[in-house]
PDB file of N, CA and C in Angstrom:
ATOM      1  N   MET A   1      14.544  29.558  12.557  1.00  0.00           N
ATOM      2  CA  MET A   1      14.427  28.290  11.865  1.00  0.00           C
ATOM      3  C   MET A   1      13.411  27.382  12.570  1.00  0.00           C
ATOM      4  N   ARG A   2      13.480  27.379  13.901  1.00  0.00           N
ATOM      5  CA  ARG A   2      12.557  26.545  14.668  1.00  0.00           C
ATOM      6  C   ARG A   2      11.110  26.987  14.471  1.00  0.00           C
ATOM      7  N   ASN A   3      10.886  28.300  14.465  1.00  0.00           N
ATOM      8  CA  ASN A   3       9.531  28.811  14.234  1.00  0.00           C
ATOM      9  C   ASN A   3       9.058  28.487  12.832  1.00  0.00           C
ATOM     10  N   PHE A   4       9.964  28.548  11.868  1.00  0.00           N
ATOM     11  CA  PHE A   4       9.611  28.211  10.496  1.00  0.00           C
ATOM     12  C   PHE A   4       9.122  26.769  10.407  1.00  0.00           C
ATOM     13  N   LEU A   5       9.841  25.854  11.027  1.00  0.00           N
ATOM     14  CA  LEU A   5       9.438  24.446  11.013  1.00  0.00           C
ATOM     15  C   LEU A   5       8.123  24.240  11.750  1.00  0.00           C
ATOM     16  N   ARG A   6       7.953  24.933  12.864  1.00  0.00           N
ATOM     17  CA  ARG A   6       6.718  24.817  13.631  1.00  0.00           C
ATOM     18  C   ARG A   6       5.526  25.304  12.812  1.00  0.00           C
ATOM     19  N   LYS A   7       5.689  26.434  12.110  1.00  0.00           N
ATOM     20  CA  LYS A   7       4.615  26.953  11.262  1.00  0.00           C
ATOM     21  C   LYS A   7       4.361  26.036  10.077  1.00  0.00           C
ATOM     22  N   LEU A   8       5.416  25.445   9.528  1.00  0.00           N
ATOM     23  CA  LEU A   8       5.277  24.552   8.388  1.00  0.00           C
ATOM     24  C   LEU A   8       4.460  23.322   8.741  1.00  0.00           C
ATOM     25  N   ILE A   9       4.658  22.780   9.923  1.00  0.00           N
ATOM     26  CA  ILE A   9       4.019  21.531  10.314  1.00  0.00           C
ATOM     27  C   ILE A   9       2.661  21.750  10.987  1.00  0.00           C
ATOM     28  N   HIS A  10       2.398  22.934  11.476  1.00  0.00           N
ATOM     29  CA  HIS A  10       1.141  23.207  12.173  1.00  0.00           C
ATOM     30  C   HIS A  10      -0.052  22.998  11.242  1.00  0.00           C
ATOM     31  N   GLY A  11      -0.997  22.168  11.668  1.00  0.00           N
ATOM     32  CA  GLY A  11      -2.204  21.924  10.905  1.00  0.00           C
ATOM     33  C   GLY A  11      -2.060  20.873   9.824  1.00  0.00           C
ATOM     34  N   ARG A  12      -0.906  20.243   9.765  1.00  0.00           N
ATOM     35  CA  ARG A  12      -0.674  19.210   8.753  1.00  0.00           C
ATOM     36  C   ARG A  12      -1.054  17.854   9.325  1.00  0.00           C
ATOM     37  N   TYR A  13      -1.167  16.857   8.431  1.00  0.00           N
ATOM     38  CA  TYR A  13      -1.617  15.533   8.859  1.00  0.00           C
ATOM     39  C   TYR A  13      -0.549  14.772   9.628  1.00  0.00           C
ATOM     40  N   GLY A  14       0.640  14.663   9.111  1.00  0.00           N
ATOM     41  CA  GLY A  14       1.725  13.963   9.792  1.00  0.00           C
ATOM     42  C   GLY A  14       1.789  12.486   9.428  1.00  0.00           C
ATOM     43  N   PRO A  15       2.655  11.743  10.091  1.00  0.00           N
ATOM     44  CA  PRO A  15       2.837  10.327   9.752  1.00  0.00           C
ATOM     45  C   PRO A  15       1.692   9.456  10.275  1.00  0.00           C
ATOM     46  N   ASP A  16       1.502   8.301   9.614  1.00  0.00           N
ATOM     47  CA  ASP A  16       0.499   7.342  10.048  1.00  0.00           C
ATOM     48  C   ASP A  16       0.942   5.945   9.604  1.00  0.00           C
ATOM     49  N   HIS A  17       0.086   4.955   9.827  1.00  0.00           N
ATOM     50  CA  HIS A  17       0.433   3.570   9.504  1.00  0.00           C
ATOM     51  C   HIS A  17       0.653   3.371   8.001  1.00  0.00           C
ATOM     52  N   LEU A  18      -0.181   3.994   7.195  1.00  0.00           N
ATOM     53  CA  LEU A  18      -0.043   3.861   5.750  1.00  0.00           C
ATOM     54  C   LEU A  18       1.273   4.466   5.273  1.00  0.00           C
ATOM     55  N   GLY A  19       1.650   5.588   5.822  1.00  0.00           N
ATOM     56  CA  GLY A  19       2.918   6.213   5.450  1.00  0.00           C
ATOM     57  C   GLY A  19       4.109   5.338   5.795  1.00  0.00           C
ATOM     58  N   VAL A  20       4.076   4.751   6.976  1.00  0.00           N
ATOM     59  CA  VAL A  20       5.157   3.855   7.388  1.00  0.00           C
ATOM     60  C   VAL A  20       5.207   2.637   6.470  1.00  0.00           C
ATOM     61  N   ALA A  21       4.052   2.091   6.139  1.00  0.00           N
ATOM     62  CA  ALA A  21       4.001   0.932   5.238  1.00  0.00           C
ATOM     63  C   ALA A  21       4.542   1.292   3.865  1.00  0.00           C
ATOM     64  N   LEU A  22       4.239   2.485   3.373  1.00  0.00           N
ATOM     65  CA  LEU A  22       4.756   2.899   2.074  1.00  0.00           C
ATOM     66  C   LEU A  22       6.270   3.069   2.093  1.00  0.00           C
ATOM     67  N   VAL A  23       6.800   3.608   3.178  1.00  0.00           N
ATOM     68  CA  VAL A  23       8.260   3.744   3.288  1.00  0.00           C
ATOM     69  C   VAL A  23       8.915   2.368   3.283  1.00  0.00           C
ATOM     70  N   ILE A  24       8.356   1.435   4.037  1.00  0.00           N
ATOM     71  CA  ILE A  24       8.897   0.073   4.060  1.00  0.00           C
ATOM     72  C   ILE A  24       8.762  -0.566   2.678  1.00  0.00           C
ATOM     73  N   LEU A  25       7.631  -0.353   2.026  1.00  0.00           N
ATOM     74  CA  LEU A  25       7.410  -0.893   0.690  1.00  0.00           C
ATOM     75  C   LEU A  25       8.398  -0.317  -0.327  1.00  0.00           C
ATOM     76  N   SER A  26       8.815   0.914  -0.131  1.00  0.00           N
ATOM     77  CA  SER A  26       9.736   1.545  -1.081  1.00  0.00           C
ATOM     78  C   SER A  26      11.123   0.912  -1.057  1.00  0.00           C
ATOM     79  N   PHE A  27      11.431   0.163  -0.018  1.00  0.00           N
ATOM     80  CA  PHE A  27      12.735  -0.498   0.024  1.00  0.00           C
ATOM     81  C   PHE A  27      12.833  -1.631  -0.993  1.00  0.00           C
ATOM     82  N   ILE A  28      11.702  -2.210  -1.379  1.00  0.00           N
ATOM     83  CA  ILE A  28      11.726  -3.317  -2.344  1.00  0.00           C
ATOM     84  C   ILE A  28      12.248  -2.846  -3.706  1.00  0.00           C
ATOM     85  N   PRO A  29      11.660  -1.796  -4.326  1.00  0.00           N
ATOM     86  CA  PRO A  29      12.234  -1.365  -5.604  1.00  0.00           C
ATOM     87  C   PRO A  29      13.644  -0.795  -5.470  1.00  0.00           C
ATOM     88  N   MET A  30      13.955  -0.225  -4.291  1.00  0.00           N
ATOM     89  CA  MET A  30      15.292   0.312  -4.089  1.00  0.00           C
ATOM     90  C   MET A  30      16.333  -0.816  -4.110  1.00  0.00           C
ATOM     91  N   ILE A  31      16.043  -1.895  -3.419  1.00  0.00           N
ATOM     92  CA  ILE A  31      16.961  -3.038  -3.394  1.00  0.00           C
ATOM     93  C   ILE A  31      17.042  -3.678  -4.780  1.00  0.00           C
ATOM     94  N   LEU A  32      15.903  -3.807  -5.449  1.00  0.00           N
ATOM     95  CA  LEU A  32      15.907  -4.358  -6.805  1.00  0.00           C
ATOM     96  C   LEU A  32      16.714  -3.479  -7.760  1.00  0.00           C
ATOM     97  N   TYR A  33      16.651  -2.163  -7.565  1.00  0.00           N
ATOM     98  CA  TYR A  33      17.441  -1.258  -8.399  1.00  0.00           C
ATOM     99  C   TYR A  33      18.925  -1.489  -8.188  1.00  0.00           C
ATOM    100  N   VAL A  34      19.338  -1.661  -6.947  1.00  0.00           N
ATOM    101  CA  VAL A  34      20.750  -1.896  -6.654  1.00  0.00           C
ATOM    102  C   VAL A  34      21.230  -3.190  -7.320  1.00  0.00           C
ATOM    103  N   ILE A  35      20.373  -4.195  -7.335  1.00  0.00           N
ATOM    104  CA  ILE A  35      20.741  -5.481  -7.921  1.00  0.00           C
ATOM    105  C   ILE A  35      20.692  -5.436  -9.446  1.00  0.00           C
ATOM    106  N   LEU A  36      19.587  -4.919 -10.008  1.00  0.00           N
ATOM    107  CA  LEU A  36      19.346  -5.004 -11.446  1.00  0.00           C
ATOM    108  C   LEU A  36      19.795  -3.786 -12.248  1.00  0.00           C
ATOM    109  N   ARG A  37      19.952  -2.656 -11.596  1.00  0.00           N
ATOM    110  CA  ARG A  37      20.278  -1.391 -12.261  1.00  0.00           C
ATOM    111  C   ARG A  37      19.259  -1.027 -13.345  1.00  0.00           C
ATOM    112  N   TYR A  38      17.999  -1.303 -13.066  1.00  0.00           N
ATOM    113  CA  TYR A  38      16.905  -0.966 -13.964  1.00  0.00           C
ATOM    114  C   TYR A  38      16.344   0.379 -13.517  1.00  0.00           C
ATOM    115  N   GLN A  39      16.588   1.426 -14.321  1.00  0.00           N
ATOM    116  CA  GLN A  39      16.327   2.814 -13.943  1.00  0.00           C
ATOM    117  C   GLN A  39      14.910   3.109 -13.463  1.00  0.00           C
ATOM    118  N   PRO A  40      13.842   2.577 -14.079  1.00  0.00           N
ATOM    119  CA  PRO A  40      12.492   2.918 -13.586  1.00  0.00           C
ATOM    120  C   PRO A  40      12.237   2.512 -12.134  1.00  0.00           C
ATOM    121  N   LEU A  41      12.974   1.566 -11.604  1.00  0.00           N
ATOM    122  CA  LEU A  41      12.783   1.161 -10.205  1.00  0.00           C
ATOM    123  C   LEU A  41      13.132   2.295  -9.245  1.00  0.00           C
ATOM    124  N   ILE A  42      14.181   3.044  -9.551  1.00  0.00           N
ATOM    125  CA  ILE A  42      14.548   4.146  -8.668  1.00  0.00           C
ATOM    126  C   ILE A  42      13.509   5.263  -8.762  1.00  0.00           C
ATOM    127  N   TYR A  43      12.925   5.447  -9.964  1.00  0.00           N
ATOM    128  CA  TYR A  43      11.863   6.442 -10.098  1.00  0.00           C
ATOM    129  C   TYR A  43      10.616   6.028  -9.319  1.00  0.00           C
ATOM    130  N   LEU A  44      10.337   4.745  -9.291  1.00  0.00           N
ATOM    131  CA  LEU A  44       9.221   4.243  -8.490  1.00  0.00           C
ATOM    132  C   LEU A  44       9.464   4.520  -7.005  1.00  0.00           C
ATOM    133  N   THR A  45      10.698   4.318  -6.568  1.00  0.00           N
ATOM    134  CA  THR A  45      11.052   4.610  -5.177  1.00  0.00           C
ATOM    135  C   THR A  45      10.852   6.088  -4.867  1.00  0.00           C
ATOM    136  N   TYR A  46      11.314   6.961  -5.755  1.00  0.00           N
ATOM    137  CA  TYR A  46      11.133   8.408  -5.566  1.00  0.00           C
ATOM    138  C   TYR A  46       9.648   8.766  -5.510  1.00  0.00           C
ATOM    139  N   PHE A  47       8.857   8.147  -6.386  1.00  0.00           N
ATOM    140  CA  PHE A  47       7.422   8.409  -6.418  1.00  0.00           C
ATOM    141  C   PHE A  47       6.768   8.020  -5.095  1.00  0.00           C
ATOM    142  N   ILE A  48       7.150   6.874  -4.552  1.00  0.00           N
ATOM    143  CA  ILE A  48       6.578   6.432  -3.272  1.00  0.00           C
ATOM    144  C   ILE A  48       6.960   7.391  -2.161  1.00  0.00           C
ATOM    145  N   PHE A  49       8.242   7.806  -2.112  1.00  0.00           N
ATOM    146  CA  PHE A  49       8.676   8.755  -1.085  1.00  0.00           C
ATOM    147  C   PHE A  49       7.953  10.096  -1.227  1.00  0.00           C
ATOM    148  N   ALA A  50       7.761  10.564  -2.467  1.00  0.00           N
ATOM    149  CA  ALA A  50       7.047  11.822  -2.685  1.00  0.00           C
ATOM    150  C   ALA A  50       5.597  11.705  -2.213  1.00  0.00           C
ATOM    151  N   THR A  51       4.982  10.555  -2.462  1.00  0.00           N
ATOM    152  CA  THR A  51       3.606  10.327  -2.011  1.00  0.00           C
ATOM    153  C   THR A  51       3.526  10.391  -0.487  1.00  0.00           C
ATOM    154  N   VAL A  52       4.484   9.775   0.174  1.00  0.00           N
ATOM    155  CA  VAL A  52       4.505   9.802   1.642  1.00  0.00           C
ATOM    156  C   VAL A  52       4.658  11.232   2.143  1.00  0.00           C
ATOM    157  N   LEU A  53       5.575  11.980   1.553  1.00  0.00           N
ATOM    158  CA  LEU A  53       5.771  13.376   1.982  1.00  0.00           C
ATOM    159  C   LEU A  53       4.522  14.225   1.738  1.00  0.00           C
ATOM    160  N   LEU A  54       3.899  14.049   0.580  1.00  0.00           N
ATOM    161  CA  LEU A  54       2.680  14.817   0.301  1.00  0.00           C
ATOM    162  C   LEU A  54       1.561  14.459   1.266  1.00  0.00           C
ATOM    163  N   ARG A  55       1.453  13.188   1.629  1.00  0.00           N
ATOM    164  CA  ARG A  55       0.432  12.783   2.599  1.00  0.00           C
ATOM    165  C   ARG A  55       0.716  13.407   3.958  1.00  0.00           C
ATOM    166  N   MET A  56       1.994  13.401   4.366  1.00  0.00           N
ATOM    167  CA  MET A  56       2.348  13.942   5.676  1.00  0.00           C
ATOM    168  C   MET A  56       2.125  15.455   5.751  1.00  0.00           C
ATOM    169  N   LEU A  57       2.357  16.156   4.658  1.00  0.00           N
ATOM    170  CA  LEU A  57       2.242  17.612   4.661  1.00  0.00           C
ATOM    171  C   LEU A  57       0.873  18.108   4.218  1.00  0.00           C
ATOM    172  N   SER A  58      -0.071  17.209   4.068  1.00  0.00           N
ATOM    173  CA  SER A  58      -1.404  17.566   3.610  1.00  0.00           C
ATOM    174  C   SER A  58      -2.209  18.256   4.710  1.00  0.00           C
ATOM    175  N   TYR A  59      -3.009  19.230   4.273  1.00  0.00           N
ATOM    176  CA  TYR A  59      -3.938  19.881   5.186  1.00  0.00           C
ATOM    177  C   TYR A  59      -5.274  19.144   5.258  1.00  0.00           C
ATOM    178  N   ASN A  60      -5.542  18.275   4.295  1.00  0.00           N
ATOM    179  CA  ASN A  60      -6.814  17.563   4.204  1.00  0.00           C
ATOM    180  C   ASN A  60      -6.788  16.349   5.150  1.00  0.00           C
ATOM    181  N   ILE A  61      -6.949  16.618   6.418  1.00  0.00           N
ATOM    182  CA  ILE A  61      -6.793  15.598   7.451  1.00  0.00           C
ATOM    183  C   ILE A  61      -7.871  14.522   7.351  1.00  0.00           C
ATOM    184  N   ARG A  62      -9.093  14.896   7.093  1.00  0.00           N
ATOM    185  CA  ARG A  62     -10.179  13.901   7.006  1.00  0.00           C
ATOM    186  C   ARG A  62      -9.924  12.880   5.891  1.00  0.00           C
ATOM    187  N   ARG A  63      -9.489  13.356   4.756  1.00  0.00           N
ATOM    188  CA  ARG A  63      -9.232  12.446   3.637  1.00  0.00           C
ATOM    189  C   ARG A  63      -8.065  11.504   3.947  1.00  0.00           C
ATOM    190  N   ARG A  64      -6.994  12.048   4.549  1.00  0.00           N
ATOM    191  CA  ARG A  64      -5.837  11.205   4.910  1.00  0.00           C
ATOM    192  C   ARG A  64      -6.229  10.175   5.963  1.00  0.00           C
ATOM    193  N   GLN A  65      -7.089  10.559   6.920  1.00  0.00           N
ATOM    194  CA  GLN A  65      -7.553   9.611   7.927  1.00  0.00           C
ATOM    195  C   GLN A  65      -8.398   8.518   7.297  1.00  0.00           C
ATOM    196  N   ALA A  66      -9.222   8.881   6.315  1.00  0.00           N
ATOM    197  CA  ALA A  66     -10.042   7.886   5.628  1.00  0.00           C
ATOM    198  C   ALA A  66      -9.161   6.894   4.869  1.00  0.00           C
ATOM    199  N   GLU A  67      -8.104   7.396   4.213  1.00  0.00           N
ATOM    200  CA  GLU A  67      -7.164   6.509   3.515  1.00  0.00           C
ATOM    201  C   GLU A  67      -6.496   5.563   4.501  1.00  0.00           C
ATOM    202  N   ASN A  68      -6.056   6.105   5.621  1.00  0.00           N
ATOM    203  CA  ASN A  68      -5.384   5.291   6.631  1.00  0.00           C
ATOM    204  C   ASN A  68      -6.345   4.262   7.228  1.00  0.00           C
ATOM    205  N   ASP A  69      -7.583   4.642   7.458  1.00  0.00           N
ATOM    206  CA  ASP A  69      -8.572   3.699   7.991  1.00  0.00           C
ATOM    207  C   ASP A  69      -8.825   2.545   7.030  1.00  0.00           C
ATOM    208  N   ARG A  70      -8.924   2.852   5.727  1.00  0.00           N
ATOM    209  CA  ARG A  70      -9.106   1.786   4.731  1.00  0.00           C
ATOM    210  C   ARG A  70      -7.894   0.854   4.718  1.00  0.00           C
ATOM    211  N   PHE A  71      -6.696   1.431   4.806  1.00  0.00           N
ATOM    212  CA  PHE A  71      -5.488   0.614   4.827  1.00  0.00           C
ATOM    213  C   PHE A  71      -5.476  -0.307   6.048  1.00  0.00           C
ATOM    214  N   ILE A  72      -5.786   0.236   7.212  1.00  0.00           N
ATOM    215  CA  ILE A  72      -5.780  -0.560   8.441  1.00  0.00           C
ATOM    216  C   ILE A  72      -6.832  -1.657   8.382  1.00  0.00           C
ATOM    217  N   ARG A  73      -7.989  -1.364   7.807  1.00  0.00           N
ATOM    218  CA  ARG A  73      -9.043  -2.364   7.694  1.00  0.00           C
ATOM    219  C   ARG A  73      -8.564  -3.597   6.911  1.00  0.00           C
ATOM    220  N   TYR A  74      -7.761  -3.385   5.875  1.00  0.00           N
ATOM    221  CA  TYR A  74      -7.259  -4.509   5.079  1.00  0.00           C
ATOM    222  C   TYR A  74      -5.975  -5.097   5.655  1.00  0.00           C
ATOM    223  N   TRP A  75      -5.146  -4.249   6.247  1.00  0.00           N
ATOM    224  CA  TRP A  75      -3.839  -4.699   6.727  1.00  0.00           C
ATOM    225  C   TRP A  75      -3.921  -5.448   8.050  1.00  0.00           C
ATOM    226  N   TRP A  76      -4.781  -5.050   8.949  1.00  0.00           N
ATOM    227  CA  TRP A  76      -4.791  -5.614  10.298  1.00  0.00           C
ATOM    228  C   TRP A  76      -5.025  -7.127  10.331  1.00  0.00           C
ATOM    229  N   PRO A  77      -5.973  -7.683   9.565  1.00  0.00           N
ATOM    230  CA  PRO A  77      -6.124  -9.147   9.577  1.00  0.00           C
ATOM    231  C   PRO A  77      -4.872  -9.865   9.057  1.00  0.00           C
ATOM    232  N   ILE A  78      -4.217  -9.308   8.048  1.00  0.00           N
ATOM    233  CA  ILE A  78      -2.985  -9.903   7.526  1.00  0.00           C
ATOM    234  C   ILE A  78      -1.895  -9.842   8.579  1.00  0.00           C
ATOM    235  N   ARG A  79      -1.765  -8.698   9.238  1.00  0.00           N
ATOM    236  CA  ARG A  79      -0.753  -8.529  10.278  1.00  0.00           C
ATOM    237  C   ARG A  79      -0.983  -9.516  11.426  1.00  0.00           C
ATOM    238  N   THR A  80      -2.234  -9.699  11.807  1.00  0.00           N
ATOM    239  CA  THR A  80      -2.561 -10.617  12.896  1.00  0.00           C
ATOM    240  C   THR A  80      -2.134 -12.037  12.545  1.00  0.00           C
ATOM    241  N   LYS A  81      -2.393 -12.462  11.315  1.00  0.00           N
ATOM    242  CA  LYS A  81      -1.988 -13.808  10.900  1.00  0.00           C
ATOM    243  C   LYS A  81      -0.470 -13.956  10.897  1.00  0.00           C
ATOM    244  N   ILE A  82       0.237 -12.935  10.459  1.00  0.00           N
ATOM    245  CA  ILE A  82       1.700 -12.989  10.440  1.00  0.00           C
ATOM    246  C   ILE A  82       2.248 -13.077  11.858  1.00  0.00           C
ATOM    247  N   VAL A  83       1.706 -12.276  12.768  1.00  0.00           N
ATOM    248  CA  VAL A  83       2.170 -12.300  14.159  1.00  0.00           C
ATOM    249  C   VAL A  83       1.912 -13.661  14.789  1.00  0.00           C
ATOM    250  N   LYS A  84       0.732 -14.242  14.532  1.00  0.00           N
ATOM    251  CA  LYS A  84       0.432 -15.567  15.081  1.00  0.00           C
ATOM    252  C   LYS A  84       1.389 -16.611  14.527  1.00  0.00           C
ATOM    253  N   MET A  85       1.701 -16.517  13.245  1.00  0.00           N
ATOM    254  CA  MET A  85       2.617 -17.470  12.632  1.00  0.00           C
ATOM    255  C   MET A  85       4.001 -17.371  13.272  1.00  0.00           C
ATOM    256  N   PHE A  86       4.496 -16.165  13.485  1.00  0.00           N
ATOM    257  CA  PHE A  86       5.807 -15.995  14.115  1.00  0.00           C
ATOM    258  C   PHE A  86       5.809 -16.476  15.567  1.00  0.00           C
ATOM    259  N   ARG A  87       4.699 -16.283  16.261  1.00  0.00           N
ATOM    260  CA  ARG A  87       4.611 -16.782  17.640  1.00  0.00           C
ATOM    261  C   ARG A  87       4.672 -18.301  17.678  1.00  0.00           C
ATOM    262  N   ARG A  88       3.969 -18.960  16.738  1.00  0.00           N
ATOM    263  CA  ARG A  88       4.016 -20.430  16.678  1.00  0.00           C
ATOM    264  C   ARG A  88       5.420 -20.915  16.343  1.00  0.00           C
ATOM    265  N   ILE A  89       6.083 -20.247  15.430  1.00  0.00           N
ATOM    266  CA  ILE A  89       7.447 -20.632  15.068  1.00  0.00           C
ATOM    267  C   ILE A  89       8.368 -20.441  16.262  1.00  0.00           C
ATOM    268  N   LYS A  90       8.227 -19.340  16.954  1.00  0.00           N
ATOM    269  CA  LYS A  90       9.055 -19.062  18.128  1.00  0.00           C
ATOM    270  C   LYS A  90       8.809 -20.103  19.217  1.00  0.00           C
ATOM    271  N   LYS A  91       7.543 -20.446  19.437  1.00  0.00           N
ATOM    272  CA  LYS A  91       7.190 -21.443  20.442  1.00  0.00           C
ATOM    273  C   LYS A  91       7.750 -22.818  20.057  1.00  0.00           C
ATOM    274  N   PHE A  92       7.718 -23.153  18.780  1.00  0.00           N
ATOM    275  CA  PHE A  92       8.237 -24.429  18.295  1.00  0.00           C
ATOM    276  C   PHE A  92       9.729 -24.558  18.578  1.00  0.00           C
ATOM    277  N   PHE A  93      10.477 -23.508  18.351  1.00  0.00           N
ATOM    278  CA  PHE A  93      11.917 -23.564  18.573  1.00  0.00           C
ATOM    279  C   PHE A  93      12.295 -23.450  20.041  1.00  0.00           C
ATOM    280  N   LYS A  94      11.446 -22.897  20.877  1.00  0.00           N
ATOM    281  CA  LYS A  94      11.721 -22.798  22.298  1.00  0.00           C
ATOM    282  C   LYS A  94      11.581 -24.145  22.995  1.00  0.00           C
ATOM    283  N   LYS A  95      10.689 -24.994  22.513  1.00  0.00           N
ATOM    284  CA  LYS A  95      10.442 -26.287  23.176  1.00  0.00           C
ATOM    285  C   LYS A  95      11.652 -27.200  23.088  1.00  0.00           C
ATOM    286  N   LYS A  96      12.446 -27.076  22.079  1.00  0.00           N
ATOM    287  CA  LYS A  96      13.576 -27.991  21.892  1.00  0.00           C
ATOM    288  C   LYS A  96      14.808 -27.554  22.598  1.00  0.00           C
TER     289      LYS A  96
END
């Protein structure tokens, strides 16, 4: 079984920042489905999870890296602003 898993994963792309972001993003329709019971939301969640799995198991490493690089190029400035905002909020509450 261990060799089977090792052979299955050998040469594959694996997880990256975009995959993690997609998994986190998939929680939004999942939570909305629990609240609203609107069936297409759960299918959207399944679609996102399937996309993440296909990306992780892909042999086309260059293409997956290019996708991840584009995601990071757009995400990093947003992330930096969010982190700075939380630091200011934390500093504001520490002073009192």
